[in-house]
């Protein structure tokens, strides 16, 4: 499992290119070069905690969608290409 920190949610949510670059650097590079088995990508670090005062509520889903699209495009989505 790899995770995307909260401070990257906004750039990833607003740019498919940023999501693709993140997937390339943090998933594809490791899966293809070292055969690492990455099964999950955590989008945000508990972004819905009350302590964040809703800061990440509007950007978490778009970030998730862009990461999912980038994973599929890179061929790293695996056999189960669904969002959980």
PDB file of N, CA and C in Angstrom:
ATOM      1  N   UNK A   1       0.850  -1.172   0.000  1.00  0.00           N
ATOM      2  CA  UNK A   1       0.000   0.000   0.000  1.00  0.00           C
ATOM      3  C   UNK A   1       0.897   1.237   0.000  1.00  0.00           C
ATOM      4  N   UNK A   2       0.510   2.191  -0.816  1.00  0.00           N
ATOM      5  CA  UNK A   2       1.165   3.496  -0.803  1.00  0.00           C
ATOM      6  C   UNK A   2       0.093   4.538  -0.525  1.00  0.00           C
ATOM      7  N   UNK A   3       0.498   5.673  -0.012  1.00  0.00           N
ATOM      8  CA  UNK A   3      -0.469   6.698   0.343  1.00  0.00           C
ATOM      9  C   UNK A   3      -0.104   8.060  -0.201  1.00  0.00           C
ATOM     10  N   UNK A   4      -1.133   8.820  -0.470  1.00  0.00           N
ATOM     11  CA  UNK A   4      -0.976  10.196  -0.934  1.00  0.00           C
ATOM     12  C   UNK A   4      -1.271  11.109   0.251  1.00  0.00           C
ATOM     13  N   UNK A   5      -0.319  11.944   0.645  1.00  0.00           N
ATOM     14  CA  UNK A   5      -0.567  12.841   1.766  1.00  0.00           C
ATOM     15  C   UNK A   5      -1.594  13.916   1.416  1.00  0.00           C
ATOM     16  N   UNK A   6      -2.247  14.425   2.428  1.00  0.00           N
ATOM     17  CA  UNK A   6      -3.312  15.410   2.229  1.00  0.00           C
ATOM     18  C   UNK A   6      -2.861  16.640   1.443  1.00  0.00           C
ATOM     19  N   UNK A   7      -1.627  17.071   1.636  1.00  0.00           N
ATOM     20  CA  UNK A   7      -1.187  18.300   0.951  1.00  0.00           C
ATOM     21  C   UNK A   7      -1.085  18.118  -0.568  1.00  0.00           C
ATOM     22  N   UNK A   8      -1.136  16.875  -1.054  1.00  0.00           N
ATOM     23  CA  UNK A   8      -1.106  16.643  -2.500  1.00  0.00           C
ATOM     24  C   UNK A   8      -2.498  16.453  -3.104  1.00  0.00           C
ATOM     25  N   UNK A   9      -3.519  16.418  -2.277  1.00  0.00           N
ATOM     26  CA  UNK A   9      -4.874  16.177  -2.795  1.00  0.00           C
ATOM     27  C   UNK A   9      -5.328  17.262  -3.763  1.00  0.00           C
ATOM     28  N   UNK A  10      -5.124  18.517  -3.430  1.00  0.00           N
ATOM     29  CA  UNK A  10      -5.585  19.614  -4.307  1.00  0.00           C
ATOM     30  C   UNK A  10      -4.915  19.568  -5.676  1.00  0.00           C
ATOM     31  N   UNK A  11      -3.588  19.466  -5.754  1.00  0.00           N
ATOM     32  CA  UNK A  11      -2.982  19.409  -7.088  1.00  0.00           C
ATOM     33  C   UNK A  11      -3.417  18.185  -7.888  1.00  0.00           C
ATOM     34  N   UNK A  12      -3.573  17.052  -7.224  1.00  0.00           N
ATOM     35  CA  UNK A  12      -3.996  15.838  -7.917  1.00  0.00           C
ATOM     36  C   UNK A  12      -5.454  15.944  -8.344  1.00  0.00           C
ATOM     37  N   UNK A  13      -6.277  16.571  -7.530  1.00  0.00           N
ATOM     38  CA  UNK A  13      -7.700  16.722  -7.850  1.00  0.00           C
ATOM     39  C   UNK A  13      -7.922  17.622  -9.047  1.00  0.00           C
ATOM     40  N   UNK A  14      -7.039  18.577  -9.249  1.00  0.00           N
ATOM     41  CA  UNK A  14      -7.250  19.561 -10.318  1.00  0.00           C
ATOM     42  C   UNK A  14      -6.464  19.272 -11.591  1.00  0.00           C
ATOM     43  N   UNK A  15      -5.623  18.229 -11.574  1.00  0.00           N
ATOM     44  CA  UNK A  15      -4.806  17.967 -12.750  1.00  0.00           C
ATOM     45  C   UNK A  15      -4.564  16.471 -12.951  1.00  0.00           C
ATOM     46  N   UNK A  16      -5.071  15.964 -14.056  1.00  0.00           N
ATOM     47  CA  UNK A  16      -4.820  14.561 -14.400  1.00  0.00           C
ATOM     48  C   UNK A  16      -3.324  14.351 -14.621  1.00  0.00           C
ATOM     49  N   UNK A  17      -2.649  15.345 -15.179  1.00  0.00           N
ATOM     50  CA  UNK A  17      -1.202  15.236 -15.422  1.00  0.00           C
ATOM     51  C   UNK A  17      -0.437  15.056 -14.111  1.00  0.00           C
ATOM     52  N   UNK A  18      -0.849  15.770 -13.079  1.00  0.00           N
ATOM     53  CA  UNK A  18      -0.200  15.623 -11.766  1.00  0.00           C
ATOM     54  C   UNK A  18      -0.461  14.218 -11.229  1.00  0.00           C
ATOM     55  N   UNK A  19      -1.687  13.728 -11.379  1.00  0.00           N
ATOM     56  CA  UNK A  19      -2.011  12.366 -10.942  1.00  0.00           C
ATOM     57  C   UNK A  19      -1.180  11.336 -11.704  1.00  0.00           C
ATOM     58  N   UNK A  20      -1.043  11.531 -13.006  1.00  0.00           N
ATOM     59  CA  UNK A  20      -0.250  10.605 -13.819  1.00  0.00           C
ATOM     60  C   UNK A  20       1.213  10.628 -13.405  1.00  0.00           C
ATOM     61  N   UNK A  21       1.732  11.800 -13.120  1.00  0.00           N
ATOM     62  CA  UNK A  21       3.128  11.918 -12.686  1.00  0.00           C
ATOM     63  C   UNK A  21       3.318  11.228 -11.326  1.00  0.00           C
ATOM     64  N   UNK A  22       2.351  11.420 -10.407  1.00  0.00           N
ATOM     65  CA  UNK A  22       2.436  10.779  -9.095  1.00  0.00           C
ATOM     66  C   UNK A  22       2.423   9.259  -9.249  1.00  0.00           C
ATOM     67  N   UNK A  23       1.529   8.735 -10.073  1.00  0.00           N
ATOM     68  CA  UNK A  23       1.450   7.286 -10.298  1.00  0.00           C
ATOM     69  C   UNK A  23       2.752   6.782 -10.911  1.00  0.00           C
ATOM     70  N   UNK A  24       3.279   7.508 -11.870  1.00  0.00           N
ATOM     71  CA  UNK A  24       4.525   7.101 -12.521  1.00  0.00           C
ATOM     72  C   UNK A  24       5.671   7.009 -11.518  1.00  0.00           C
ATOM     73  N   UNK A  25       5.778   8.017 -10.655  1.00  0.00           N
ATOM     74  CA  UNK A  25       6.893   8.080  -9.709  1.00  0.00           C
ATOM     75  C   UNK A  25       6.708   7.167  -8.497  1.00  0.00           C
ATOM     76  N   UNK A  26       5.470   6.966  -8.067  1.00  0.00           N
ATOM     77  CA  UNK A  26       5.235   6.276  -6.800  1.00  0.00           C
ATOM     78  C   UNK A  26       4.647   4.881  -6.928  1.00  0.00           C
ATOM     79  N   UNK A  27       4.168   4.528  -8.108  1.00  0.00           N
ATOM     80  CA  UNK A  27       3.611   3.190  -8.311  1.00  0.00           C
ATOM     81  C   UNK A  27       4.360   2.498  -9.452  1.00  0.00           C
ATOM     82  N   UNK A  28       4.213   3.006 -10.648  1.00  0.00           N
ATOM     83  CA  UNK A  28       4.781   2.348 -11.830  1.00  0.00           C
ATOM     84  C   UNK A  28       6.281   2.101 -11.709  1.00  0.00           C
ATOM     85  N   UNK A  29       7.014   3.066 -11.215  1.00  0.00           N
ATOM     86  CA  UNK A  29       8.467   2.931 -11.120  1.00  0.00           C
ATOM     87  C   UNK A  29       8.860   1.748 -10.248  1.00  0.00           C
ATOM     88  N   UNK A  30       8.096   1.489  -9.222  1.00  0.00           N
ATOM     89  CA  UNK A  30       8.441   0.419  -8.285  1.00  0.00           C
ATOM     90  C   UNK A  30       7.892  -0.928  -8.728  1.00  0.00           C
ATOM     91  N   UNK A  31       6.719  -0.917  -9.315  1.00  0.00           N
ATOM     92  CA  UNK A  31       6.113  -2.164  -9.772  1.00  0.00           C
ATOM     93  C   UNK A  31       6.916  -2.736 -10.936  1.00  0.00           C
ATOM     94  N   UNK A  32       7.280  -1.885 -11.894  1.00  0.00           N
ATOM     95  CA  UNK A  32       7.975  -2.392 -13.073  1.00  0.00           C
ATOM     96  C   UNK A  32       9.453  -2.684 -12.818  1.00  0.00           C
ATOM     97  N   UNK A  33      10.120  -1.860 -12.035  1.00  0.00           N
ATOM     98  CA  UNK A  33      11.560  -2.052 -11.862  1.00  0.00           C
ATOM     99  C   UNK A  33      11.909  -3.081 -10.795  1.00  0.00           C
ATOM    100  N   UNK A  34      11.129  -3.168  -9.741  1.00  0.00           N
ATOM    101  CA  UNK A  34      11.480  -4.091  -8.663  1.00  0.00           C
ATOM    102  C   UNK A  34      10.455  -5.176  -8.420  1.00  0.00           C
ATOM    103  N   UNK A  35       9.396  -5.179  -9.177  1.00  0.00           N
ATOM    104  CA  UNK A  35       8.381  -6.203  -8.994  1.00  0.00           C
ATOM    105  C   UNK A  35       7.622  -6.075  -7.684  1.00  0.00           C
ATOM    106  N   UNK A  36       7.559  -4.880  -7.145  1.00  0.00           N
ATOM    107  CA  UNK A  36       6.839  -4.644  -5.900  1.00  0.00           C
ATOM    108  C   UNK A  36       5.347  -4.875  -6.139  1.00  0.00           C
ATOM    109  N   UNK A  37       4.682  -5.455  -5.178  1.00  0.00           N
ATOM    110  CA  UNK A  37       3.249  -5.730  -5.281  1.00  0.00           C
ATOM    111  C   UNK A  37       2.475  -4.663  -4.513  1.00  0.00           C
ATOM    112  N   UNK A  38       2.053  -3.622  -5.210  1.00  0.00           N
ATOM    113  CA  UNK A  38       1.254  -2.558  -4.590  1.00  0.00           C
ATOM    114  C   UNK A  38      -0.203  -2.880  -4.873  1.00  0.00           C
ATOM    115  N   UNK A  39      -0.958  -3.105  -3.836  1.00  0.00           N
ATOM    116  CA  UNK A  39      -2.360  -3.479  -4.003  1.00  0.00           C
ATOM    117  C   UNK A  39      -3.333  -2.342  -3.742  1.00  0.00           C
ATOM    118  N   UNK A  40      -2.920  -1.357  -2.973  1.00  0.00           N
ATOM    119  CA  UNK A  40      -3.827  -0.278  -2.596  1.00  0.00           C
ATOM    120  C   UNK A  40      -3.108   1.065  -2.670  1.00  0.00           C
ATOM    121  N   UNK A  41      -3.886   2.093  -3.003  1.00  0.00           N
ATOM    122  CA  UNK A  41      -3.402   3.464  -2.935  1.00  0.00           C
ATOM    123  C   UNK A  41      -4.370   4.214  -2.029  1.00  0.00           C
ATOM    124  N   UNK A  42      -3.867   4.697  -0.905  1.00  0.00           N
ATOM    125  CA  UNK A  42      -4.680   5.493   0.016  1.00  0.00           C
ATOM    126  C   UNK A  42      -4.649   6.935  -0.468  1.00  0.00           C
ATOM    127  N   UNK A  43      -5.809   7.473  -0.743  1.00  0.00           N
ATOM    128  CA  UNK A  43      -5.899   8.849  -1.226  1.00  0.00           C
ATOM    129  C   UNK A  43      -6.247   9.740  -0.038  1.00  0.00           C
ATOM    130  N   UNK A  44      -5.227  10.385   0.494  1.00  0.00           N
ATOM    131  CA  UNK A  44      -5.378  11.227   1.672  1.00  0.00           C
ATOM    132  C   UNK A  44      -5.124  10.444   2.945  1.00  0.00           C
ATOM    133  N   UNK A  45      -4.785  11.176   3.986  1.00  0.00           N
ATOM    134  CA  UNK A  45      -4.552  10.605   5.297  1.00  0.00           C
ATOM    135  C   UNK A  45      -5.688  11.037   6.210  1.00  0.00           C
ATOM    136  N   UNK A  46      -6.721  10.209   6.259  1.00  0.00           N
ATOM    137  CA  UNK A  46      -7.925  10.506   7.042  1.00  0.00           C
ATOM    138  C   UNK A  46      -8.444  11.919   6.743  1.00  0.00           C
ATOM    139  N   UNK A  47      -8.720  12.208   5.460  1.00  0.00           N
ATOM    140  CA  UNK A  47      -9.080  13.578   5.075  1.00  0.00           C
ATOM    141  C   UNK A  47     -10.419  14.071   5.616  1.00  0.00           C
ATOM    142  N   UNK A  48     -11.235  13.169   6.150  1.00  0.00           N
ATOM    143  CA  UNK A  48     -12.559  13.586   6.622  1.00  0.00           C
ATOM    144  C   UNK A  48     -12.623  13.774   8.133  1.00  0.00           C
ATOM    145  N   UNK A  49     -11.484  13.761   8.804  1.00  0.00           N
ATOM    146  CA  UNK A  49     -11.476  14.006  10.245  1.00  0.00           C
ATOM    147  C   UNK A  49     -12.031  15.400  10.535  1.00  0.00           C
ATOM    148  N   UNK A  50     -12.774  15.516  11.615  1.00  0.00           N
ATOM    149  CA  UNK A  50     -13.329  16.821  12.002  1.00  0.00           C
ATOM    150  C   UNK A  50     -12.240  17.857  12.239  1.00  0.00           C
ATOM    151  N   UNK A  51     -11.068  17.400  12.651  1.00  0.00           N
ATOM    152  CA  UNK A  51      -9.957  18.320  12.924  1.00  0.00           C
ATOM    153  C   UNK A  51      -9.543  19.120  11.686  1.00  0.00           C
ATOM    154  N   UNK A  52      -9.825  18.602  10.496  1.00  0.00           N
ATOM    155  CA  UNK A  52      -9.464  19.305   9.263  1.00  0.00           C
ATOM    156  C   UNK A  52     -10.544  20.299   8.833  1.00  0.00           C
ATOM    157  N   UNK A  53     -11.635  20.374   9.566  1.00  0.00           N
ATOM    158  CA  UNK A  53     -12.700  21.361   9.318  1.00  0.00           C
ATOM    159  C   UNK A  53     -13.209  21.360   7.875  1.00  0.00           C
ATOM    160  N   UNK A  54     -13.304  20.184   7.263  1.00  0.00           N
ATOM    161  CA  UNK A  54     -13.845  20.087   5.912  1.00  0.00           C
ATOM    162  C   UNK A  54     -12.893  20.516   4.808  1.00  0.00           C
ATOM    163  N   UNK A  55     -11.646  20.773   5.139  1.00  0.00           N
ATOM    164  CA  UNK A  55     -10.664  21.257   4.173  1.00  0.00           C
ATOM    165  C   UNK A  55     -10.565  20.365   2.942  1.00  0.00           C
ATOM    166  N   UNK A  56     -10.659  19.063   3.130  1.00  0.00           N
ATOM    167  CA  UNK A  56     -10.414  18.131   2.032  1.00  0.00           C
ATOM    168  C   UNK A  56     -11.682  17.489   1.466  1.00  0.00           C
ATOM    169  N   UNK A  57     -12.841  17.891   1.964  1.00  0.00           N
ATOM    170  CA  UNK A  57     -14.093  17.247   1.548  1.00  0.00           C
ATOM    171  C   UNK A  57     -14.370  17.363   0.057  1.00  0.00           C
ATOM    172  N   UNK A  58     -14.142  18.510  -0.520  1.00  0.00           N
ATOM    173  CA  UNK A  58     -14.478  18.723  -1.933  1.00  0.00           C
ATOM    174  C   UNK A  58     -13.399  18.253  -2.907  1.00  0.00           C
ATOM    175  N   UNK A  59     -12.222  17.919  -2.397  1.00  0.00           N
ATOM    176  CA  UNK A  59     -11.141  17.552  -3.307  1.00  0.00           C
ATOM    177  C   UNK A  59     -10.749  16.075  -3.233  1.00  0.00           C
ATOM    178  N   UNK A  60     -11.218  15.364  -2.228  1.00  0.00           N
ATOM    179  CA  UNK A  60     -10.810  13.967  -2.077  1.00  0.00           C
ATOM    180  C   UNK A  60     -11.357  13.096  -3.205  1.00  0.00           C
ATOM    181  N   UNK A  61     -12.639  13.207  -3.520  1.00  0.00           N
ATOM    182  CA  UNK A  61     -13.215  12.384  -4.588  1.00  0.00           C
ATOM    183  C   UNK A  61     -12.585  12.701  -5.946  1.00  0.00           C
ATOM    184  N   UNK A  62     -12.442  13.975  -6.347  1.00  0.00           N
ATOM    185  CA  UNK A  62     -11.771  14.236  -7.621  1.00  0.00           C
ATOM    186  C   UNK A  62     -10.328  13.717  -7.646  1.00  0.00           C
ATOM    187  N   UNK A  63      -9.627  13.801  -6.535  1.00  0.00           N
ATOM    188  CA  UNK A  63      -8.261  13.263  -6.475  1.00  0.00           C
ATOM    189  C   UNK A  63      -8.299  11.750  -6.655  1.00  0.00           C
ATOM    190  N   UNK A  64      -9.226  11.101  -6.006  1.00  0.00           N
ATOM    191  CA  UNK A  64      -9.387   9.647  -6.136  1.00  0.00           C
ATOM    192  C   UNK A  64      -9.681   9.264  -7.584  1.00  0.00           C
ATOM    193  N   UNK A  65     -10.564  10.004  -8.217  1.00  0.00           N
ATOM    194  CA  UNK A  65     -10.924   9.705  -9.607  1.00  0.00           C
ATOM    195  C   UNK A  65      -9.729   9.894 -10.545  1.00  0.00           C
ATOM    196  N   UNK A  66      -8.952  10.952 -10.332  1.00  0.00           N
ATOM    197  CA  UNK A  66      -7.787  11.191 -11.184  1.00  0.00           C
ATOM    198  C   UNK A  66      -6.708  10.129 -10.964  1.00  0.00           C
ATOM    199  N   UNK A  67      -6.521   9.704  -9.720  1.00  0.00           N
ATOM    200  CA  UNK A  67      -5.546   8.644  -9.443  1.00  0.00           C
ATOM    201  C   UNK A  67      -6.007   7.335 -10.078  1.00  0.00           C
ATOM    202  N   UNK A  68      -7.287   7.027  -9.963  1.00  0.00           N
ATOM    203  CA  UNK A  68      -7.803   5.793 -10.572  1.00  0.00           C
ATOM    204  C   UNK A  68      -7.593   5.824 -12.090  1.00  0.00           C
ATOM    205  N   UNK A  69      -7.888   6.946 -12.717  1.00  0.00           N
ATOM    206  CA  UNK A  69      -7.682   7.080 -14.165  1.00  0.00           C
ATOM    207  C   UNK A  69      -6.211   6.921 -14.523  1.00  0.00           C
ATOM    208  N   UNK A  70      -5.341   7.517 -13.723  1.00  0.00           N
ATOM    209  CA  UNK A  70      -3.903   7.424 -13.982  1.00  0.00           C
ATOM    210  C   UNK A  70      -3.407   5.992 -13.810  1.00  0.00           C
ATOM    211  N   UNK A  71      -3.916   5.283 -12.814  1.00  0.00           N
ATOM    212  CA  UNK A  71      -3.535   3.883 -12.605  1.00  0.00           C
ATOM    213  C   UNK A  71      -3.967   3.018 -13.786  1.00  0.00           C
ATOM    214  N   UNK A  72      -5.180   3.250 -14.259  1.00  0.00           N
ATOM    215  CA  UNK A  72      -5.684   2.481 -15.407  1.00  0.00           C
ATOM    216  C   UNK A  72      -4.846   2.782 -16.640  1.00  0.00           C
ATOM    217  N   UNK A  73      -4.588   4.061 -16.890  1.00  0.00           N
ATOM    218  CA  UNK A  73      -3.797   4.452 -18.062  1.00  0.00           C
ATOM    219  C   UNK A  73      -2.393   3.840 -18.025  1.00  0.00           C
ATOM    220  N   UNK A  74      -1.804   3.778 -16.825  1.00  0.00           N
ATOM    221  CA  UNK A  74      -0.468   3.232 -16.682  1.00  0.00           C
ATOM    222  C   UNK A  74      -0.446   1.697 -16.682  1.00  0.00           C
ATOM    223  N   UNK A  75      -1.626   1.098 -16.629  1.00  0.00           N
ATOM    224  CA  UNK A  75      -1.692  -0.359 -16.575  1.00  0.00           C
ATOM    225  C   UNK A  75      -1.399  -0.908 -15.196  1.00  0.00           C
ATOM    226  N   UNK A  76      -1.530  -0.068 -14.194  1.00  0.00           N
ATOM    227  CA  UNK A  76      -1.235  -0.470 -12.817  1.00  0.00           C
ATOM    228  C   UNK A  76      -2.479  -0.656 -11.961  1.00  0.00           C
ATOM    229  N   UNK A  77      -3.643  -0.698 -12.597  1.00  0.00           N
ATOM    230  CA  UNK A  77      -4.884  -0.818 -11.828  1.00  0.00           C
ATOM    231  C   UNK A  77      -5.137  -2.240 -11.380  1.00  0.00           C
ATOM    232  N   UNK A  78      -4.410  -3.193 -11.935  1.00  0.00           N
ATOM    233  CA  UNK A  78      -4.620  -4.594 -11.560  1.00  0.00           C
ATOM    234  C   UNK A  78      -5.877  -5.145 -12.189  1.00  0.00           C
ATOM    235  N   UNK A  79      -6.265  -6.310 -11.765  1.00  0.00           N
ATOM    236  CA  UNK A  79      -7.431  -6.961 -12.357  1.00  0.00           C
ATOM    237  C   UNK A  79      -8.741  -6.467 -11.789  1.00  0.00           C
ATOM    238  N   UNK A  80      -8.688  -5.774 -10.654  1.00  0.00           N
ATOM    239  CA  UNK A  80      -9.904  -5.278 -10.023  1.00  0.00           C
ATOM    240  C   UNK A  80      -9.935  -3.765 -10.146  1.00  0.00           C
ATOM    241  N   UNK A  81     -10.393  -3.264 -11.281  1.00  0.00           N
ATOM    242  CA  UNK A  81     -10.362  -1.835 -11.552  1.00  0.00           C
ATOM    243  C   UNK A  81     -11.604  -1.117 -11.038  1.00  0.00           C
ATOM    244  N   UNK A  82     -11.767  -1.155  -9.722  1.00  0.00           N
ATOM    245  CA  UNK A  82     -12.890  -0.441  -9.137  1.00  0.00           C
ATOM    246  C   UNK A  82     -12.415   0.376  -7.950  1.00  0.00           C
ATOM    247  N   UNK A  83     -13.124   1.450  -7.687  1.00  0.00           N
ATOM    248  CA  UNK A  83     -12.791   2.277  -6.543  1.00  0.00           C
ATOM    249  C   UNK A  83     -13.499   1.707  -5.325  1.00  0.00           C
ATOM    250  N   UNK A  84     -12.781   1.676  -4.218  1.00  0.00           N
ATOM    251  CA  UNK A  84     -13.350   1.164  -2.975  1.00  0.00           C
ATOM    252  C   UNK A  84     -13.477   2.313  -2.010  1.00  0.00           C
TER     253      UNK A  84
END
